[in-house]
């Protein structure tokens, strides 16, 4: 129970950023803990336990996306994200705008942005996780980043247009 309490929120958030649905992310997180506890003998202590567990959560999230092609419920996703953080501005960019923009981009872009920016995987690790080449990982991340920036700009223009 101590291990669960220590890691459940981070693992839930990892899945939520990839899946975009609270209920499915919670299910994936729970299944990942069950899987980890059942395979505890396979943990080699080469890396941190949290990293090993996160890899299970990421793989289970990717499996769920591939099997079900889960649709993102943007409103539900934003509700959870807003609970986690306050909306703050950084150089006129609101965190909420970035989160809204994440909900607008393609799933493959959202996944690679989540793995690289939020989960801290490098392109070599991402290429292994997604089963793509290192170069494709870098290219897809570059395109995802560009698309995310475009969407943030659109969101800001839409908001400014409403207030004008």
Protein backbone atom coordinates (compact mmCIF):
# COMPACT_ATOMS: atom_id res chain seq x y z
CA UNK A 1 0.00 0.00 0.00
CA UNK A 2 2.92 2.35 0.68
CA UNK A 3 4.25 1.85 -2.83
CA UNK A 4 0.81 2.52 -4.26
CA UNK A 5 0.41 5.71 -2.22
CA UNK A 6 3.85 6.88 -3.28
CA UNK A 7 3.33 6.44 -7.02
CA UNK A 8 -0.39 6.31 -7.86
CA UNK A 9 -0.91 10.02 -8.60
CA UNK A 10 2.15 10.32 -10.87
CA UNK A 11 1.22 7.12 -12.72
CA UNK A 12 -2.39 8.28 -13.12
CA UNK A 13 -1.21 11.62 -14.51
CA UNK A 14 1.16 9.87 -16.90
CA UNK A 15 -1.67 7.79 -18.32
CA UNK A 16 -4.11 10.70 -18.34
CA UNK A 17 -1.78 12.87 -20.43
CA UNK A 18 -1.56 10.12 -23.01
CA UNK A 19 -5.14 8.86 -22.94
CA UNK A 20 -7.03 12.07 -22.24
CA UNK A 21 -9.85 10.38 -20.33
CA UNK A 22 -10.06 10.21 -16.53
CA UNK A 23 -11.88 6.89 -16.27
CA UNK A 24 -9.67 5.06 -18.75
CA UNK A 25 -6.50 6.55 -17.22
CA UNK A 26 -7.57 5.35 -13.78
CA UNK A 27 -8.26 1.85 -15.12
CA UNK A 28 -4.90 1.75 -16.85
CA UNK A 29 -3.13 2.97 -13.73
CA UNK A 30 -4.82 0.30 -11.59
CA UNK A 31 -4.07 -2.45 -14.13
CA UNK A 32 -0.46 -1.28 -14.30
CA UNK A 33 -0.03 -1.60 -10.53
CA UNK A 34 -1.54 -5.08 -10.59
CA UNK A 35 0.78 -6.03 -13.43
CA UNK A 36 3.80 -4.55 -11.65
CA UNK A 37 3.04 -6.37 -8.40
CA UNK A 38 2.57 -9.64 -10.29
CA UNK A 39 5.88 -9.13 -12.12
CA UNK A 40 7.82 -7.74 -9.17
CA UNK A 41 10.37 -10.53 -9.52
CA UNK A 42 11.25 -9.12 -12.99
CA UNK A 43 12.30 -5.77 -11.52
CA UNK A 44 16.11 -5.85 -11.71
CA UNK A 45 16.82 -2.72 -9.66
CA UNK A 46 18.97 -1.37 -12.53
CA UNK A 47 16.84 1.78 -12.58
CA UNK A 48 14.42 3.32 -10.16
CA UNK A 49 11.24 1.47 -9.28
CA UNK A 50 9.25 4.54 -10.33
CA UNK A 51 10.87 4.48 -13.76
CA UNK A 52 10.12 0.79 -14.16
CA UNK A 53 6.52 1.34 -13.09
CA UNK A 54 6.16 4.36 -15.40
CA UNK A 55 7.33 2.23 -18.31
CA UNK A 56 4.54 -0.26 -17.54
CA UNK A 57 1.99 2.57 -17.39
CA UNK A 58 3.23 4.07 -20.67
CA UNK A 59 3.12 0.68 -22.41
CA UNK A 60 -0.38 -0.04 -21.08
CA UNK A 61 -1.54 3.41 -22.17
CA UNK A 62 -0.13 2.89 -25.65
CA UNK A 63 -1.76 -0.55 -25.81
CA UNK A 64 -5.11 1.00 -24.89
CA UNK A 65 -4.71 3.67 -27.54
CA UNK A 66 -3.82 1.10 -30.16
CA UNK A 67 -6.59 -1.34 -29.23
CA UNK A 68 -9.45 1.05 -28.67
CA UNK A 69 -8.39 4.28 -30.37
CA UNK A 70 -9.77 6.10 -27.37
CA UNK A 71 -11.33 9.48 -28.11
CA UNK A 72 -10.19 12.42 -26.05
CA UNK A 73 -12.91 14.04 -24.00
CA UNK A 74 -11.38 17.51 -23.90
CA UNK A 75 -13.68 18.95 -21.26
CA UNK A 76 -13.08 16.08 -18.86
CA UNK A 77 -9.35 16.21 -19.53
CA UNK A 78 -9.16 19.94 -18.85
CA UNK A 79 -11.18 19.59 -15.67
CA UNK A 80 -8.59 17.20 -14.25
CA UNK A 81 -5.67 19.28 -15.47
CA UNK A 82 -7.13 22.41 -13.88
CA UNK A 83 -7.45 20.54 -10.57
CA UNK A 84 -3.74 19.67 -10.72
CA UNK A 85 -2.34 23.11 -11.48
CA UNK A 86 -3.29 26.75 -11.29
CA UNK A 87 -3.61 28.59 -14.56
CA UNK A 88 -0.57 30.82 -14.82
CA UNK A 89 0.85 32.96 -17.59
CA UNK A 90 4.36 32.62 -18.92
CA UNK A 91 5.22 35.29 -21.49
CA UNK A 92 1.53 35.71 -22.37
CA UNK A 93 1.03 31.96 -22.80
CA UNK A 94 -1.37 30.41 -20.36
CA UNK A 95 -0.82 26.85 -19.22
CA UNK A 96 -4.52 26.27 -19.90
CA UNK A 97 -3.96 27.27 -23.54
CA UNK A 98 -1.21 24.67 -23.89
CA UNK A 99 -3.44 22.02 -22.34
CA UNK A 100 -6.32 23.01 -24.63
CA UNK A 101 -3.97 22.82 -27.60
CA UNK A 102 -2.82 19.33 -26.58
CA UNK A 103 -6.43 18.22 -26.85
CA UNK A 104 -6.61 19.54 -30.41
CA UNK A 105 -3.56 17.87 -31.92
CA UNK A 106 -3.39 14.39 -33.43
CA UNK A 107 -3.03 11.45 -31.07
CA UNK A 108 0.44 10.52 -32.37
CA UNK A 109 1.60 14.07 -31.69
CA UNK A 110 0.03 14.18 -28.23
CA UNK A 111 1.72 10.89 -27.32
CA UNK A 112 5.20 11.96 -28.43
CA UNK A 113 4.88 15.38 -26.74
CA UNK A 114 3.77 13.62 -23.53
CA UNK A 115 6.62 11.12 -23.62
CA UNK A 116 9.31 13.71 -24.40
CA UNK A 117 8.23 16.80 -22.47
CA UNK A 118 6.21 15.43 -19.57
CA UNK A 119 7.69 11.99 -18.98
CA UNK A 120 11.28 12.90 -19.81
CA UNK A 121 12.06 10.12 -22.26
CA UNK A 122 14.72 10.82 -24.88
CA UNK A 123 14.25 10.03 -28.57
CA UNK A 124 16.12 6.75 -28.32
CA UNK A 125 13.76 5.56 -25.58
CA UNK A 126 10.71 6.89 -27.42
CA UNK A 127 11.73 5.07 -30.59
CA UNK A 128 11.92 1.82 -28.63
CA UNK A 129 8.59 2.41 -26.84
CA UNK A 130 6.71 3.31 -30.03
CA UNK A 131 8.55 0.90 -32.30
CA UNK A 132 9.70 3.65 -34.66
CA UNK A 133 13.13 4.82 -35.79
CA UNK A 134 15.14 7.37 -33.85
CA UNK A 135 14.90 9.81 -36.77
CA UNK A 136 11.14 9.40 -37.03
CA UNK A 137 10.86 10.10 -33.31
CA UNK A 138 12.77 13.36 -33.73
CA UNK A 139 10.82 14.32 -36.84
CA UNK A 140 7.46 13.53 -35.28
CA UNK A 141 8.38 15.48 -32.15
CA UNK A 142 9.44 18.46 -34.24
CA UNK A 143 6.15 18.39 -36.15
CA UNK A 144 4.18 17.89 -32.94
CA UNK A 145 5.91 20.84 -31.30
CA UNK A 146 5.22 23.05 -34.33
CA UNK A 147 1.57 21.98 -34.40
CA UNK A 148 1.22 22.58 -30.66
CA UNK A 149 2.61 26.10 -31.03
CA UNK A 150 0.19 26.76 -33.91
CA UNK A 151 -2.76 25.55 -31.84
CA UNK A 152 -1.75 27.70 -28.86
CA UNK A 153 -1.61 30.73 -31.17
CA UNK A 154 -5.07 29.91 -32.56
CA UNK A 155 -6.50 29.53 -29.08
CA UNK A 156 -5.06 32.89 -28.04
CA UNK A 157 -6.45 34.56 -31.18
CA UNK A 158 -9.87 33.01 -30.55
CA UNK A 159 -9.86 34.25 -26.97
CA UNK A 160 -8.74 37.74 -27.99
CA UNK A 161 -11.36 37.85 -30.74
CA UNK A 162 -14.14 37.03 -28.24
CA UNK A 163 -13.06 39.91 -25.98
CA UNK A 164 -12.65 42.44 -28.78
